[in-house]
C-alpha atoms as a PDB file:
ATOM      1  CA  MET A   1     112.591-161.023 -41.992  1.00  0.00           C
ATOM      2  CA  ARG A   2     114.030-158.403 -44.241  1.00  0.00           C
ATOM      3  CA  LEU A   3     112.882-154.766 -43.897  1.00  0.00           C
ATOM      4  CA  GLU A   4     112.688-152.638 -47.005  1.00  0.00           C
ATOM      5  CA  ARG A   5     112.301-148.981 -47.406  1.00  0.00           C
ATOM      6  CA  LEU A   6     108.955-148.081 -48.838  1.00  0.00           C
ATOM      7  CA  CYS A   7     108.840-144.178 -48.639  1.00  0.00           C
ATOM      8  CA  GLU A   8     109.457-141.170 -46.721  1.00  0.00           C
ATOM      9  CA  MET A   9     106.479-139.431 -45.058  1.00  0.00           C
ATOM     10  CA  GLU A  10     106.004-135.864 -44.027  1.00  0.00           C
ATOM     11  CA  LEU A  11     103.360-135.418 -41.303  1.00  0.00           C
ATOM     12  CA  ILE A  12     101.811-131.988 -40.557  1.00  0.00           C
ATOM     13  CA  ASN A  13      99.636-131.159 -37.517  1.00  0.00           C
ATOM     14  CA  ARG A  14      96.515-129.292 -38.486  1.00  0.00           C
ATOM     15  CA  ASP A  15      93.664-127.842 -36.460  1.00  0.00           C
ATOM     16  CA  SER A  16      91.310-130.643 -35.644  1.00  0.00           C
ATOM     17  CA  SER A  17      87.567-130.387 -35.924  1.00  0.00           C
ATOM     18  CA  PHE A  18      87.674-129.194 -32.219  1.00  0.00           C
ATOM     19  CA  GLY A  19      89.768-126.056 -33.314  1.00  0.00           C
ATOM     20  CA  GLU A  20      92.999-127.296 -31.635  1.00  0.00           C
ATOM     21  CA  LYS A  21      96.068-128.814 -33.066  1.00  0.00           C
ATOM     22  CA  SER A  22      95.906-131.460 -30.368  1.00  0.00           C
ATOM     23  CA  LEU A  23      93.813-132.258 -27.308  1.00  0.00           C
ATOM     24  CA  VAL A  24      94.254-134.116 -24.159  1.00  0.00           C
ATOM     25  CA  ALA A  25      91.237-135.049 -21.953  1.00  0.00           C
ATOM     26  CA  ARG A  26      91.825-135.878 -18.305  1.00  0.00           C
ATOM     27  CA  PRO A  27      88.308-136.927 -17.087  1.00  0.00           C
ATOM     28  CA  PHE A  28      89.246-137.827 -13.628  1.00  0.00           C
ATOM     29  CA  GLY A  29      91.405-134.825 -12.859  1.00  0.00           C
ATOM     30  CA  GLY A  30      94.799-136.983 -12.629  1.00  0.00           C
ATOM     31  CA  GLN A  31      97.754-137.578 -14.836  1.00  0.00           C
ATOM     32  CA  GLU A  32      96.052-140.187 -16.991  1.00  0.00           C
ATOM     33  CA  GLY A  33      93.967-139.212 -19.978  1.00  0.00           C
ATOM     34  CA  SER A  34      93.445-139.653 -23.641  1.00  0.00           C
ATOM     35  CA  GLY A  35      94.852-137.528 -26.470  1.00  0.00           C
ATOM     36  CA  TYR A  36      93.768-136.740 -29.895  1.00  0.00           C
ATOM     37  CA  GLY A  37      95.575-135.195 -32.913  1.00  0.00           C
ATOM     38  CA  GLU A  38      95.229-135.056 -36.626  1.00  0.00           C
ATOM     39  CA  GLY A  39      96.959-133.798 -39.738  1.00  0.00           C
ATOM     40  CA  ASP A  40      97.886-134.169 -43.346  1.00  0.00           C
ATOM     41  CA  GLY A  41     101.048-135.050 -45.142  1.00  0.00           C
ATOM     42  CA  SER A  42     102.792-136.588 -48.157  1.00  0.00           C
ATOM     43  CA  VAL A  43     104.351-139.937 -48.953  1.00  0.00           C
ATOM     44  CA  LYS A  44     107.257-140.100 -51.493  1.00  0.00           C
ATOM     45  CA  GLY A  45     109.081-143.242 -52.643  1.00  0.00           C
ATOM     46  CA  ASP A  46     109.844-145.460 -55.551  1.00  0.00           C
ATOM     47  CA  ARG A  47     107.056-147.905 -54.603  1.00  0.00           C
ATOM     48  CA  ILE A  48     104.454-145.675 -53.116  1.00  0.00           C
ATOM     49  CA  SER A  49     103.605-142.001 -53.314  1.00  0.00           C
ATOM     50  CA  GLY A  50     100.800-139.589 -52.725  1.00  0.00           C
ATOM     51  CA  THR A  51      99.065-137.620 -49.967  1.00  0.00           C
ATOM     52  CA  LEU A  52      97.754-138.836 -46.561  1.00  0.00           C
ATOM     53  CA  ARG A  53      95.555-137.815 -43.614  1.00  0.00           C
ATOM     54  CA  TRP A  54      96.558-139.179 -40.305  1.00  0.00           C
ATOM     55  CA  MET A  55      94.987-139.336 -36.806  1.00  0.00           C
ATOM     56  CA  ASN A  56      96.427-140.398 -33.493  1.00  0.00           C
ATOM     57  CA  HIS A  57      94.419-141.194 -30.345  1.00  0.00           C
ATOM     58  CA  PRO A  58      97.172-141.939 -27.652  1.00  0.00           C
ATOM     59  CA  THR A  59      96.743-142.788 -24.087  1.00  0.00           C
ATOM     60  CA  VAL A  60      98.728-140.235 -21.988  1.00  0.00           C
ATOM     61  CA  GLY A  61      99.804-140.043 -18.432  1.00  0.00           C
ATOM     62  CA  HIS A  62     101.912-141.643 -15.745  1.00  0.00           C
ATOM     63  CA  TYR A  63     101.523-145.330 -14.915  1.00  0.00           C
ATOM     64  CA  ASP A  64     103.034-147.281 -12.040  1.00  0.00           C
ATOM     65  CA  ASN A  65     103.917-150.696 -13.190  1.00  0.00           C
END
């Protein structure tokens, strides 16, 4: 497989609809939880360019495997 560079992206956090730049919910009071963040940005490259809006919903916390 050959990887080719498509573009450079700039991602900027912005206040979410909840009024925060990012949130972490820990519903059971421990280390584990769920996060949320969103933002805007730009895409610049020879093959693709424009603006973007991103959202991220990661799982956060400490896990023993």
